[in-house]
Protein backbone atom coordinates (compact mmCIF):
# COMPACT_ATOMS: atom_id res chain seq x y z
CA MET A 1 89.22 -0.75 -25.29
CA SER A 2 88.50 0.65 -28.75
CA LYS A 3 85.63 2.71 -27.29
CA TYR A 4 88.04 4.42 -24.89
CA ILE A 5 90.48 5.17 -27.73
CA ILE A 6 87.68 6.69 -29.82
CA CYS A 7 86.52 8.74 -26.84
CA ILE A 8 90.07 10.05 -26.19
CA PHE A 9 90.43 10.84 -29.89
CA GLU A 10 87.17 12.84 -29.89
CA ILE A 11 88.29 14.78 -26.82
CA MET A 12 91.60 15.62 -28.49
CA MET A 13 89.80 16.75 -31.64
CA TYR A 14 87.53 18.94 -29.52
CA ILE A 15 90.55 20.50 -27.78
CA CYS A 16 92.21 21.10 -31.14
CA ASN A 17 89.07 22.75 -32.49
CA MET A 18 88.83 24.92 -29.38
CA SER A 19 92.45 25.97 -29.75
CA GLU A 20 91.82 26.86 -33.40
CA LEU A 21 88.77 28.89 -32.40
CA LEU A 22 90.75 30.74 -29.71
CA GLU A 23 93.49 31.42 -32.24
CA VAL A 24 90.95 32.91 -34.66
CA LEU A 25 89.30 34.96 -31.91
CA SER A 26 92.68 36.38 -30.93
CA ALA A 27 93.11 37.84 -34.42
CA GLU A 28 92.76 41.61 -34.67
CA TRP A 29 89.73 41.53 -36.99
CA ALA A 30 87.91 39.10 -34.68
CA ILE A 31 88.57 41.25 -31.63
CA ARG A 32 87.25 44.29 -33.50
CA ALA A 33 84.17 42.33 -34.55
CA LEU A 34 83.48 41.06 -31.02
CA VAL A 35 83.97 44.46 -29.38
CA THR A 36 81.84 46.39 -31.88
CA SER A 37 79.08 43.77 -32.05
CA SER A 38 78.94 43.63 -28.24
CA ILE A 39 78.64 47.41 -28.00
CA VAL A 40 75.92 47.43 -30.67
CA GLY A 41 74.05 44.60 -28.91
CA ILE A 42 74.00 46.52 -25.63
CA THR A 43 73.02 49.81 -27.28
CA CYS A 44 70.19 48.28 -29.30
CA GLY A 45 68.97 46.41 -26.22
CA LEU A 46 68.81 49.61 -24.16
CA ILE A 47 66.92 51.64 -26.78
CA GLY A 48 64.81 48.68 -27.93
CA SER A 49 63.06 48.47 -24.55
CA PHE A 50 61.38 51.85 -25.15
CA ILE A 51 60.83 51.21 -28.86
CA VAL A 52 58.88 48.01 -28.16
CA LEU A 53 56.93 49.43 -25.19
CA LYS A 54 55.86 52.48 -27.23
CA ASN A 55 54.76 50.26 -30.16
CA MET A 56 57.35 51.92 -32.38
CA SER A 57 58.93 48.78 -33.83
CA LEU A 58 57.88 49.76 -37.35
CA ILE A 59 59.45 53.21 -36.90
CA GLY A 60 62.69 51.50 -35.91
CA ASP A 61 62.51 49.53 -39.14
CA ALA A 62 61.77 52.73 -41.06
CA LEU A 63 64.74 54.62 -39.61
CA SER A 64 67.10 51.74 -40.26
CA HIS A 65 66.18 51.76 -43.95
CA SER A 66 66.01 55.54 -44.28
CA ILE A 67 69.65 56.26 -43.50
CA LEU A 68 70.84 55.22 -46.98
CA PRO A 69 70.22 58.69 -48.49
CA GLY A 70 72.36 60.10 -45.67
CA ILE A 71 75.18 57.73 -46.64
CA TYR A 72 74.84 58.76 -50.28
CA PHE A 73 74.98 62.53 -49.67
CA SER A 74 77.72 62.26 -47.03
CA PHE A 75 79.88 60.29 -49.49
CA ILE A 76 79.45 63.05 -52.05
CA ILE A 77 80.44 65.73 -49.51
CA PHE A 78 83.02 63.99 -47.27
CA GLY A 79 84.06 60.93 -49.27
CA TYR A 80 84.42 57.54 -47.57
CA SER A 81 84.39 58.80 -43.96
CA THR A 82 82.98 57.04 -40.92
CA LEU A 83 82.22 60.36 -39.26
CA GLY A 84 80.62 61.64 -42.46
CA PHE A 85 78.42 58.55 -42.70
CA PHE A 86 77.42 59.07 -39.08
CA VAL A 87 76.38 62.70 -39.54
CA GLY A 88 74.57 62.02 -42.81
CA SER A 89 72.74 58.99 -41.45
CA VAL A 90 71.58 60.82 -38.32
CA ILE A 91 70.29 63.75 -40.39
CA ALA A 92 68.46 61.34 -42.72
CA GLY A 93 66.96 59.54 -39.72
CA LEU A 94 65.70 62.78 -38.18
CA ILE A 95 64.22 63.91 -41.51
CA THR A 96 62.41 60.58 -41.71
CA ALA A 97 61.05 60.91 -38.16
CA VAL A 98 59.83 64.48 -38.78
CA ALA A 99 58.24 63.51 -42.11
CA ILE A 100 56.42 60.55 -40.61
CA THR A 101 55.11 62.61 -37.68
CA TRP A 102 54.02 65.45 -39.98
CA ILE A 103 52.04 63.10 -42.26
CA GLN A 104 50.45 61.34 -39.27
CA THR A 105 49.42 64.70 -37.81
CA ASN A 106 48.37 66.72 -40.85
CA VAL A 107 47.35 64.26 -43.56
CA LYS A 108 44.47 61.82 -43.36
CA THR A 109 46.70 58.76 -43.67
CA LYS A 110 46.91 55.76 -41.37
CA ASN A 111 49.90 55.80 -39.05
CA ASP A 112 51.47 52.58 -40.33
CA ALA A 113 50.83 53.68 -43.93
CA ALA A 114 52.63 56.98 -43.29
CA ILE A 115 55.65 55.09 -41.96
CA GLY A 116 55.66 52.79 -44.98
CA ILE A 117 55.38 55.66 -47.47
CA VAL A 118 58.26 57.67 -45.99
CA PHE A 119 60.75 54.90 -45.32
CA THR A 120 60.29 53.16 -48.68
CA ALA A 121 60.75 56.50 -50.47
CA MET A 122 63.92 57.25 -48.47
CA PHE A 123 65.22 53.73 -49.02
CA ALA A 124 64.61 54.03 -52.76
CA ILE A 125 66.48 57.36 -52.90
CA GLY A 126 69.42 55.81 -51.10
CA VAL A 127 69.58 52.73 -53.33
CA ILE A 128 69.35 54.84 -56.51
CA GLY A 129 72.00 57.28 -55.25
CA ILE A 130 74.48 54.60 -54.19
CA SER A 131 73.93 52.66 -57.43
CA SER A 132 74.60 55.82 -59.47
CA LEU A 133 77.84 56.34 -57.55
CA ASN A 134 78.99 52.83 -58.35
CA ASN A 135 78.40 53.50 -62.06
CA GLN A 136 80.92 56.36 -61.94
CA LYS A 137 84.61 55.63 -62.34
CA GLY A 138 86.66 55.90 -59.18
CA ASN A 139 83.65 55.64 -56.84
CA HIS A 140 82.54 52.45 -55.18
CA ILE A 141 80.30 51.81 -52.19
CA ASP A 142 79.28 48.22 -51.58
CA LEU A 143 75.57 48.47 -50.84
CA LYS A 144 75.59 44.94 -49.45
CA ASP A 145 77.93 45.97 -46.62
CA PHE A 146 75.46 48.61 -45.43
CA LEU A 147 72.45 46.34 -45.80
CA PHE A 148 73.86 43.23 -44.09
CA GLY A 149 76.98 44.47 -42.29
CA ASN A 150 80.66 43.69 -42.76
CA VAL A 151 82.54 42.83 -39.59
CA LEU A 152 85.75 42.38 -41.57
CA GLY A 153 85.64 46.07 -42.44
CA ILE A 154 85.35 47.38 -38.88
CA SER A 155 87.90 50.11 -38.19
CA ASN A 156 89.13 51.86 -35.07
CA GLN A 157 86.83 54.76 -35.95
CA ASP A 158 83.85 52.38 -35.94
CA ILE A 159 84.76 51.12 -32.46
CA VAL A 160 85.18 54.67 -31.11
CA LEU A 161 81.92 55.76 -32.72
CA SER A 162 79.99 52.77 -31.34
CA SER A 163 81.46 53.36 -27.87
CA MET A 164 80.43 57.02 -27.92
CA VAL A 165 76.90 56.08 -28.99
CA LEU A 166 76.70 53.55 -26.13
CA LEU A 167 77.89 56.12 -23.57
CA PHE A 168 75.44 58.70 -24.94
CA THR A 169 72.59 56.16 -24.77
CA LEU A 170 73.43 55.13 -21.19
CA ALA A 171 73.74 58.73 -20.01
CA SER A 172 70.47 59.71 -21.70
CA ILE A 173 68.52 56.84 -20.13
CA VAL A 174 69.95 57.48 -16.67
CA ILE A 175 69.39 61.26 -16.80
CA PHE A 176 65.99 61.21 -18.49
CA PHE A 177 64.65 57.92 -17.13
CA ARG A 178 61.71 59.63 -15.38
CA GLN A 179 60.72 61.44 -18.58
CA PHE A 180 61.04 58.29 -20.70
CA PHE A 181 59.06 56.28 -18.15
CA ILE A 182 56.10 58.63 -17.87
CA THR A 183 55.88 59.44 -21.60
CA THR A 184 55.95 55.72 -22.37
CA PHE A 185 53.17 54.68 -20.00
CA GLN A 186 51.20 57.88 -19.21
CA PRO A 187 51.65 60.46 -22.01
CA ILE A 188 48.58 62.46 -20.95
CA ILE A 189 49.84 62.83 -17.37
CA ALA A 190 53.28 63.73 -18.77
CA GLU A 191 51.75 66.66 -20.67
CA THR A 192 49.84 67.86 -17.60
CA ILE A 193 53.01 68.03 -15.48
CA GLY A 194 54.98 69.86 -18.17
CA ILE A 195 56.89 67.03 -19.88
CA SER A 196 56.70 67.40 -23.66
CA THR A 197 55.90 64.04 -25.25
CA LYS A 198 56.87 65.47 -28.66
CA VAL A 199 60.36 66.49 -27.47
CA MET A 200 60.91 63.08 -25.84
CA HIS A 201 59.67 61.37 -29.02
CA TYR A 202 62.17 63.20 -31.22
CA PHE A 203 64.94 62.67 -28.67
CA LEU A 204 64.22 58.94 -28.76
CA MET A 205 64.34 59.12 -32.58
CA LEU A 206 67.77 60.78 -32.29
CA MET A 207 69.01 57.98 -30.01
CA LEU A 208 67.54 55.42 -32.38
CA SER A 209 69.32 57.02 -35.35
CA PHE A 210 72.60 56.85 -33.42
CA ALA A 211 72.07 53.17 -32.66
CA VAL A 212 71.24 52.34 -36.28
CA VAL A 213 74.38 54.06 -37.54
CA ALA A 214 76.50 52.30 -34.91
CA ALA A 215 75.16 48.95 -36.16
CA LEU A 216 75.97 49.58 -39.82
CA GLN A 217 79.18 47.56 -39.90
CA SER A 218 78.11 44.74 -37.57
CA VAL A 219 74.58 43.72 -38.64
CA GLY A 220 73.60 46.26 -41.31
CA VAL A 221 70.51 48.43 -41.71
CA ILE A 222 68.18 45.56 -42.59
CA LEU A 223 68.97 43.36 -39.61
CA VAL A 224 69.44 46.10 -37.01
CA VAL A 225 65.69 46.23 -36.46
CA ALA A 226 65.90 42.66 -35.14
CA MET A 227 68.51 43.71 -32.57
CA LEU A 228 66.24 46.57 -31.53
CA ILE A 229 63.13 44.43 -31.15
CA THR A 230 64.10 40.84 -30.31
CA PRO A 231 66.21 41.26 -27.11
CA ALA A 232 63.67 43.79 -25.74
CA SER A 233 60.75 41.48 -26.54
CA THR A 234 62.60 38.62 -24.83
CA ALA A 235 63.22 40.77 -21.74
CA LEU A 236 59.52 41.67 -21.57
CA LEU A 237 58.72 37.95 -21.40
CA LEU A 238 61.02 37.60 -18.39
CA SER A 239 60.07 40.67 -16.35
CA HIS A 240 57.40 43.37 -16.07
CA LYS A 241 59.55 46.01 -14.32
CA LEU A 242 61.04 48.60 -16.67
CA GLN A 243 64.44 48.79 -14.95
CA LYS A 244 64.86 45.01 -15.15
CA VAL A 245 63.60 44.94 -18.73
CA ILE A 246 66.22 47.52 -19.79
CA VAL A 247 69.07 45.64 -18.08
CA LEU A 248 67.92 42.24 -19.35
CA SER A 249 67.50 43.57 -22.88
CA ALA A 250 71.06 44.94 -22.87
CA ILE A 251 72.46 41.66 -21.50
CA LEU A 252 70.55 39.60 -24.07
CA GLY A 253 71.78 41.88 -26.85
CA LEU A 254 75.35 41.36 -25.62
CA ILE A 255 74.96 37.56 -25.41
CA SER A 256 73.37 37.40 -28.88
CA SER A 257 76.21 39.41 -30.39
CA ILE A 258 79.02 37.37 -28.82
CA LEU A 259 77.45 33.99 -29.57
CA GLY A 260 76.53 35.10 -33.08
CA ILE A 261 80.11 36.11 -33.89
CA ILE A 262 81.53 32.87 -32.42
CA LEU A 263 79.04 30.68 -34.30
CA SER A 264 79.64 32.55 -37.53
CA ILE A 265 83.37 31.82 -37.20
CA ILE A 266 82.85 28.14 -36.32
CA TYR A 267 80.36 27.41 -39.10
CA ASN A 268 81.60 29.98 -41.63
CA MET A 269 78.31 31.91 -41.77
CA PRO A 270 77.67 35.65 -42.27
CA PRO A 271 77.96 37.34 -38.83
CA GLY A 272 74.97 39.73 -39.03
CA PRO A 273 72.31 37.11 -39.84
CA THR A 274 73.89 34.70 -37.33
CA ILE A 275 73.63 37.30 -34.54
CA VAL A 276 69.97 37.84 -35.40
CA LEU A 277 69.23 34.09 -35.44
CA VAL A 278 70.86 33.68 -32.01
CA ALA A 279 68.70 36.52 -30.65
CA THR A 280 65.63 34.86 -32.18
CA GLY A 281 66.59 31.50 -30.67
CA ILE A 282 66.87 33.07 -27.21
CA TYR A 283 63.46 34.69 -27.73
CA LEU A 284 61.91 31.33 -28.62
CA LEU A 285 63.39 29.74 -25.50
CA ALA A 286 61.94 32.56 -23.38
CA ALA A 287 58.59 32.22 -25.15
CA LEU A 288 58.53 28.54 -24.17
CA PHE A 289 60.07 28.55 -20.70
CA SER A 290 59.40 32.00 -19.22
CA PRO A 291 58.14 31.42 -15.65
CA GLN A 292 55.40 34.04 -16.00
CA LYS A 293 54.51 34.35 -19.69
CA GLY A 294 55.95 31.20 -21.27
CA LEU A 295 53.81 28.88 -23.36
CA ILE A 296 54.71 25.88 -21.18
CA GLN A 297 53.76 27.80 -18.03
CA ALA A 298 50.49 28.84 -19.67
CA TRP A 299 49.81 25.20 -20.59
CA VAL A 300 50.56 24.05 -17.03
CA HIS A 301 48.34 26.80 -15.59
CA LYS A 302 45.51 25.90 -17.95
CA ARG A 303 45.85 22.23 -17.05
CA ASN A 304 45.89 22.99 -13.31
CA GLU A 305 42.89 25.29 -13.70
CA LYS A 306 40.99 22.56 -15.54
CA SER A 307 41.89 20.04 -12.82
CA LYS A 308 40.83 22.53 -10.10
CA ILE A 309 37.44 23.08 -11.76
CA PHE A 310 36.89 19.33 -12.07
CA VAL A 311 37.69 18.79 -8.37
CA GLU A 312 35.31 21.59 -7.40
CA ASP A 313 32.56 20.07 -9.58
CA LEU A 314 33.24 16.74 -7.86
CA ILE A 315 32.87 18.38 -4.43
CA LYS A 316 29.55 19.91 -5.44
CA LEU A 317 28.32 16.55 -6.70
CA LEU A 318 29.34 14.76 -3.48
CA SER A 319 27.62 17.45 -1.41
CA LYS A 320 24.22 16.59 -2.91
CA LYS A 321 22.35 14.04 -0.82
CA VAL A 322 20.76 12.44 -3.88
CA ASN A 323 24.23 11.49 -5.16
CA LYS A 324 25.66 10.32 -1.86
CA ASP A 325 25.75 6.62 -2.72
CA LYS A 326 26.84 6.93 -6.34
CA SER A 327 29.66 4.70 -7.52
CA ILE A 328 32.75 5.99 -9.33
CA PRO A 329 31.43 4.99 -12.81
CA GLN A 330 28.15 6.81 -12.05
CA ILE A 331 30.05 9.90 -10.86
CA ALA A 332 32.13 9.83 -14.05
CA GLU A 333 28.96 9.68 -16.13
CA LEU A 334 27.35 12.56 -14.22
CA LEU A 335 30.46 14.73 -14.63
CA ASN A 336 30.87 13.73 -18.30
CA SER A 337 34.34 12.43 -17.48
CA ASN A 338 36.22 9.14 -17.24
CA ILE A 339 36.88 6.79 -14.33
CA ASN A 340 40.62 7.58 -14.11
CA GLN A 341 39.96 11.30 -13.85
CA VAL A 342 37.39 10.71 -11.10
CA LYS A 343 39.83 8.50 -9.18
CA LYS A 344 42.52 11.17 -9.51
CA GLY A 345 40.06 13.79 -8.26
CA ILE A 346 39.13 11.64 -5.26
CA ARG A 347 42.83 11.21 -4.41
CA THR A 348 43.19 15.00 -4.48
CA LEU A 349 40.20 15.36 -2.16
CA ASN A 350 41.76 12.82 0.22
CA ILE A 351 45.12 14.60 0.24
CA ASP A 352 43.46 17.97 0.91
CA GLY A 353 41.28 16.50 3.66
CA LEU A 354 38.06 17.34 1.82
CA VAL A 355 36.61 13.81 2.14
CA THR A 356 36.74 11.41 5.06
CA SER A 357 38.80 8.23 4.92
CA ASP A 358 35.78 5.92 4.90
CA PRO A 359 34.85 4.35 1.55
CA SER A 360 31.50 6.14 1.18
CA LEU A 361 33.09 9.36 -0.16
CA THR A 362 31.57 11.53 2.55
CA LEU A 363 32.67 15.14 2.60
CA SER A 364 34.56 16.28 5.69
CA MET A 365 33.50 19.49 7.39
CA LYS A 366 36.22 21.23 5.36
CA GLY A 367 34.74 19.75 2.18
CA LYS A 368 31.23 20.85 3.19
CA GLN A 369 32.47 24.38 3.78
CA PHE A 370 34.12 24.37 0.35
CA ALA A 371 30.92 23.12 -1.29
CA SER A 372 28.92 25.78 0.52
CA GLU A 373 31.18 28.51 -0.86
CA LEU A 374 30.70 27.18 -4.41
CA VAL A 375 26.93 27.07 -3.99
CA ARG A 376 26.98 30.62 -2.60
CA ALA A 377 28.98 31.84 -5.62
CA HIS A 378 26.62 30.08 -8.05
CA ARG A 379 23.39 31.37 -6.51
CA LEU A 380 24.65 34.91 -5.91
CA TRP A 381 25.70 35.23 -9.54
CA GLU A 382 22.36 33.88 -10.71
CA SER A 383 20.64 36.50 -8.54
CA TYR A 384 22.87 39.23 -9.96
CA GLN A 385 22.09 38.19 -13.53
CA VAL A 386 18.34 38.37 -12.93
CA ASN A 387 18.22 41.49 -10.75
CA LYS A 388 20.95 43.63 -12.30
CA MET A 389 21.37 42.32 -15.85
CA GLY A 390 17.73 41.68 -16.72
CA MET A 391 18.17 38.03 -17.67
CA THR A 392 15.51 35.36 -17.22
CA GLU A 393 15.73 32.27 -15.00
CA ASN A 394 16.22 30.03 -18.04
CA GLN A 395 19.33 31.95 -19.18
CA ILE A 396 21.40 32.10 -16.02
CA HIS A 397 22.46 28.58 -15.00
CA ASP A 398 25.23 27.84 -17.52
CA ASP A 399 26.98 31.17 -16.98
CA ALA A 400 26.81 30.77 -13.18
CA GLU A 401 28.12 27.19 -13.50
CA ARG A 402 31.19 28.53 -15.29
CA LEU A 403 31.88 31.65 -13.22
CA GLU A 404 31.39 30.06 -9.78
CA HIS A 405 34.97 28.73 -10.05
CA HIS A 406 36.50 32.16 -10.66
CA LEU A 407 34.60 34.62 -8.45
CA THR A 408 36.69 35.70 -5.45
CA GLN A 409 35.27 36.20 -1.97
CA ASP A 410 35.74 39.97 -2.24
CA VAL A 411 33.74 40.08 -5.48
CA LEU A 412 31.03 37.87 -3.98
CA ASP A 413 30.79 40.06 -0.89
CA GLU A 414 30.39 43.13 -3.13
CA ILE A 415 27.66 41.37 -5.17
CA ASP A 416 25.93 40.28 -1.98
CA GLU A 417 25.91 43.87 -0.71
CA LYS A 418 24.65 45.32 -4.01
CA LEU A 419 21.78 42.81 -4.03
CA GLY A 420 20.82 43.70 -0.45
CA PHE A 421 21.99 40.36 1.04
CA PRO A 422 19.27 38.15 -0.52
CA GLU A 423 18.28 34.94 1.23
CA ASN A 424 17.13 33.02 -1.87
CA ASP A 425 18.21 32.82 -5.50
CA PRO A 426 15.81 33.33 -8.45
CA HIS A 427 14.84 29.63 -8.29
CA GLY A 428 13.86 29.96 -4.60
CA SER A 429 16.88 28.01 -3.28
CA PRO A 430 18.55 29.39 -0.13
CA ILE A 431 21.86 31.26 -0.57
CA PRO A 432 24.42 30.13 2.04
CA LYS A 433 25.77 32.95 4.19
CA ARG A 434 29.48 33.56 4.37
CA GLU A 435 30.95 32.55 7.69
CA ILE A 436 33.32 34.99 9.39
CA LEU A 437 36.52 33.01 9.81
CA PRO A 438 39.98 33.82 11.20
CA PRO A 439 42.85 34.64 8.80
CA LYS A 440 44.20 31.06 8.89
CA PRO A 441 41.58 28.60 10.13
CA LEU A 442 42.66 25.22 11.46
CA PHE A 443 40.28 23.37 9.15
CA HIS A 444 42.03 24.79 6.04
CA LEU A 445 45.12 22.69 6.77
CA LYS A 446 45.75 19.36 5.08
CA PRO A 447 46.28 16.06 6.95
CA LYS A 448 49.83 15.67 8.35
CA SER A 449 50.29 19.46 8.28
CA LYS A 450 52.05 21.11 11.21
CA GLY A 451 51.31 24.46 12.81
CA ILE A 452 51.11 26.55 15.96
CA ILE A 453 47.99 27.67 17.83
CA SER A 454 47.95 31.46 17.45
CA LYS A 455 47.90 33.76 20.47
CA THR A 456 45.24 35.85 18.73
CA GLN A 457 41.80 34.25 18.31
CA ILE A 458 38.67 35.89 16.90
CA SER A 459 36.58 35.46 20.08
CA ASP A 460 36.77 34.68 23.79
CA TRP A 461 34.62 31.61 23.13
CA VAL A 462 37.38 30.04 20.98
CA GLU A 463 40.01 30.74 23.65
CA SER A 464 37.86 29.25 26.41
CA GLU A 465 37.05 26.14 24.35
CA LEU A 466 40.75 25.53 23.66
CA TRP A 467 41.48 26.12 27.34
CA GLU A 468 38.86 23.54 28.32
CA LEU A 469 40.52 21.02 26.02
CA GLY A 470 43.94 21.80 27.48
CA ILE A 471 45.35 23.37 24.28
CA LEU A 472 47.37 26.50 25.07
CA PRO A 473 48.48 29.36 22.80
CA ASN A 474 51.77 28.74 20.92
CA SER A 475 51.22 24.97 21.20
CA GLN A 476 52.73 23.10 18.26
CA PHE A 477 50.42 20.55 16.67
CA THR A 478 50.11 18.09 13.81
CA ILE A 479 46.87 17.34 11.92
CA SER A 480 46.27 13.64 12.52
CA GLU A 481 43.02 13.24 10.60
CA ILE A 482 40.20 15.25 9.05
CA LEU A 483 36.93 13.81 10.33
CA GLN A 484 33.43 14.28 9.01
CA ASP A 485 32.43 16.29 12.05
CA GLY A 486 35.76 17.62 13.28
CA VAL A 487 39.55 17.55 13.21
CA MET A 488 41.91 15.33 15.19
CA ILE A 489 45.22 16.96 16.14
CA LYS A 490 48.27 15.79 18.08
CA VAL A 491 49.87 18.09 20.66
CA LYS A 492 52.92 16.74 22.51
CA SER A 493 52.04 13.11 21.65
CA LYS A 494 48.48 13.61 22.92
CA ASP A 495 45.45 13.43 20.60
CA TYR A 496 42.65 16.01 20.71
CA THR A 497 39.43 16.01 18.69
CA LEU A 498 38.08 19.47 17.87
CA PRO A 499 34.45 19.64 16.74
CA ALA A 500 33.79 21.14 13.30
CA ARG A 501 32.40 24.40 14.65
CA LEU A 502 35.50 25.02 16.78
CA ALA A 503 37.99 23.89 14.12
CA LYS A 504 36.60 26.49 11.71
CA MET A 505 37.20 29.29 14.21
CA VAL A 506 40.67 28.41 15.54
CA ASN A 507 43.36 30.70 14.15
CA VAL A 508 46.74 29.03 13.53
CA MET A 509 50.19 29.91 12.25
């Protein structure tokens, strides 16, 4: 009973905490913080996609630090004005971009060094200028607010400014998407068709300066580079299409901003760094679990590839007559493996119908075909190494042993043609010829698989043989068993045994 009381008490506490959080979020300052941070997250996500793809992450960092002189001079001219800070920061950002490009083009200085020289100099000017202002009576600019952000100080002007920057960014990407796309991936082609890469570069710098200024109050100039890079890098882990990357980056920037603000309120942490940590956490999750580029997927692929290679080595071993009667411990020793791995490999061969069901581990006709393809790949590559690469017979085996698992049929056909369709490898062993098979041969199916006999067969001989057996086109069948010299199928509760030669040639759906 006490457990239920404790559970009810915890639920009530949770509801109370949620109500307190909602009460805080309904405050005017919290709404301002959420709205502005969300706008900044989307804006940085949109621009960040191009910044990351063009390898300009360091320039983004440079521009974010280089706007401080603009803040200093705008304060002198306009006083404490959001619009003044915006104009001054954008001018400072463009001066930085022009200076970096000029040094990279005209001075013998490394590109990354040029960026570092300019942005550190601009940052130093800004820090000195703002510090000198604070030493004067009546003037005060909190440098920390510009470096790390201050969501409590967000005004209506900041919200309007951030919204205008977002609209400008969206309109620019939609209108100039073609230009951005081609200058990002094919700058040489862009120049040949009349698109100026230099103009698009400076336009992107202008957009980047706008985004940095818009992020001043939410995350600050130091952390804005994370909002430019991290959501875009996360999106690139999840997709390889630019349109999707842009949309995903904007969504991830929005999610990071909202969650960061909420967590900063709950745990009483500074909002800017919290937003950045949330974005980093999402990136780490994508790095682990991305279906295409994630570390876990890469580990699974590597493990499957290793298992596939072992099974193929096992097939080759079983195809050799001298090893036909070897026991499992002997096979494990020959493959430099362990008994459990061999047993697992044999189970895989059974499931795929590559060995017959009898205990002697005899390859089925499907298994023999598979082994023949591996031998062909091995011997063709050995021949290519000797005839085209100038290697000796003693140097070729290990490389062929490794690559035989990765060479595709198209590559092997091309090698075969370049070598003039040789009959023997450099050691004098015969090279198996590739059999011309239908698109989906019957013998490729696994036991218990179901299919339909295709209307289209590769020869009249196949059609007549099926007709003789009483198997008509569009007949539904089930693979009953893979035999050593054929395949047994069931059609309408009747069993048919197709010899190996016919089973290889029957096209199925």
